[in-house]
Amino acid sequence: MIRVYDNETGSLLGDITEAHLKFLVDQLQETSLEDQDYYVDQATIEILSQAGAEPQLIDLLKSGMGTRPGYEIRWARE
């Protein structure tokens, strides 16, 4: 199971599939091979959506952002 967390609050945003994780890794910049966190803002969500992200992944990212201009997520295999 791959869980996605709000890195600031530590709260669980939800679970994603292997396909969702692969999509995020392929689309977003990582600073190292061990990198498991990403900064997400409205522009990131739009780019992911235009690149073909599944609606479930977009909904999860939007729900975590709330009214903030952006936030950092992290994923973990549990």
Protein backbone atom coordinates (compact mmCIF):
# COMPACT_ATOMS: atom_id res chain seq x y z
CA MET A 1 0.00 0.00 0.00
CA ILE A 2 1.30 3.46 -0.89
CA ARG A 3 0.15 6.22 1.42
CA VAL A 4 0.36 9.95 0.74
CA TYR A 5 0.79 12.38 3.62
CA ASP A 6 0.72 16.14 4.04
CA ASN A 7 4.33 16.75 5.01
CA GLU A 8 3.53 19.82 7.12
CA THR A 9 0.73 18.34 9.23
CA GLY A 10 1.59 14.66 8.97
CA SER A 11 -2.02 13.86 8.14
CA LEU A 12 -2.87 11.05 5.78
CA LEU A 13 -4.30 12.30 2.49
CA GLY A 14 -5.07 8.85 1.13
CA ASP A 15 -3.72 5.83 -0.68
CA ILE A 16 -2.50 5.70 -4.25
CA THR A 17 -1.78 2.89 -6.66
CA GLU A 18 1.58 1.84 -8.08
CA ALA A 19 0.46 3.43 -11.36
CA HIS A 20 -0.24 6.73 -9.60
CA LEU A 21 3.17 6.65 -7.93
CA LYS A 22 4.93 5.88 -11.20
CA PHE A 23 3.08 8.78 -12.82
CA LEU A 24 4.17 11.18 -10.06
CA VAL A 25 7.79 10.00 -10.20
CA ASP A 26 7.83 10.35 -13.99
CA GLN A 27 6.23 13.81 -13.99
CA LEU A 28 7.73 15.56 -10.96
CA GLN A 29 11.32 16.52 -10.18
CA GLU A 30 13.20 14.54 -7.59
CA THR A 31 16.36 15.70 -5.88
CA SER A 32 17.70 12.18 -5.34
CA LEU A 33 16.83 8.54 -5.95
CA GLU A 34 15.57 8.30 -2.36
CA ASP A 35 13.36 11.39 -2.70
CA GLN A 36 9.81 10.70 -1.53
CA ASP A 37 8.38 14.19 -1.27
CA TYR A 38 7.03 16.73 -3.72
CA TYR A 39 5.83 20.32 -3.61
CA VAL A 40 2.31 20.65 -5.02
CA ASP A 41 0.53 23.85 -6.02
CA GLN A 42 -2.26 24.70 -8.45
CA ALA A 43 0.19 24.87 -11.37
CA THR A 44 1.50 21.40 -10.51
CA ILE A 45 -2.02 20.02 -10.40
CA GLU A 46 -2.82 21.57 -13.79
CA ILE A 47 0.36 20.14 -15.33
CA LEU A 48 -0.39 16.68 -13.95
CA SER A 49 -3.96 16.89 -15.18
CA GLN A 50 -2.86 17.91 -18.68
CA ALA A 51 -0.32 15.08 -18.68
CA GLY A 52 -3.13 12.58 -18.13
CA ALA A 53 -3.27 12.04 -14.38
CA GLU A 54 -6.22 9.95 -13.24
CA PRO A 55 -9.04 11.93 -11.57
CA GLN A 56 -8.55 10.06 -8.26
CA LEU A 57 -4.96 11.31 -8.02
CA ILE A 58 -5.93 14.87 -8.89
CA ASP A 59 -8.75 14.81 -6.32
CA LEU A 60 -6.36 13.56 -3.62
CA LEU A 61 -3.85 16.34 -4.36
CA LYS A 62 -6.56 19.02 -4.45
CA SER A 63 -8.11 17.86 -1.19
CA GLY A 64 -4.81 18.16 0.63
CA MET A 65 -4.09 21.66 -0.62
CA GLY A 66 -7.27 23.23 0.69
CA THR A 67 -6.92 27.02 0.66
CA ARG A 68 -3.12 27.06 0.85
CA PRO A 69 -1.19 28.28 -2.20
CA GLY A 70 0.82 25.06 -2.13
CA TYR A 71 2.05 22.31 0.13
CA GLU A 72 4.50 19.44 0.34
CA ILE A 73 3.42 15.81 0.17
CA ARG A 74 5.36 12.67 0.91
CA TRP A 75 4.63 9.08 0.08
CA ALA A 76 5.48 5.91 1.96
CA ARG A 77 5.05 2.22 1.34
CA GLU A 78 3.26 0.70 4.31
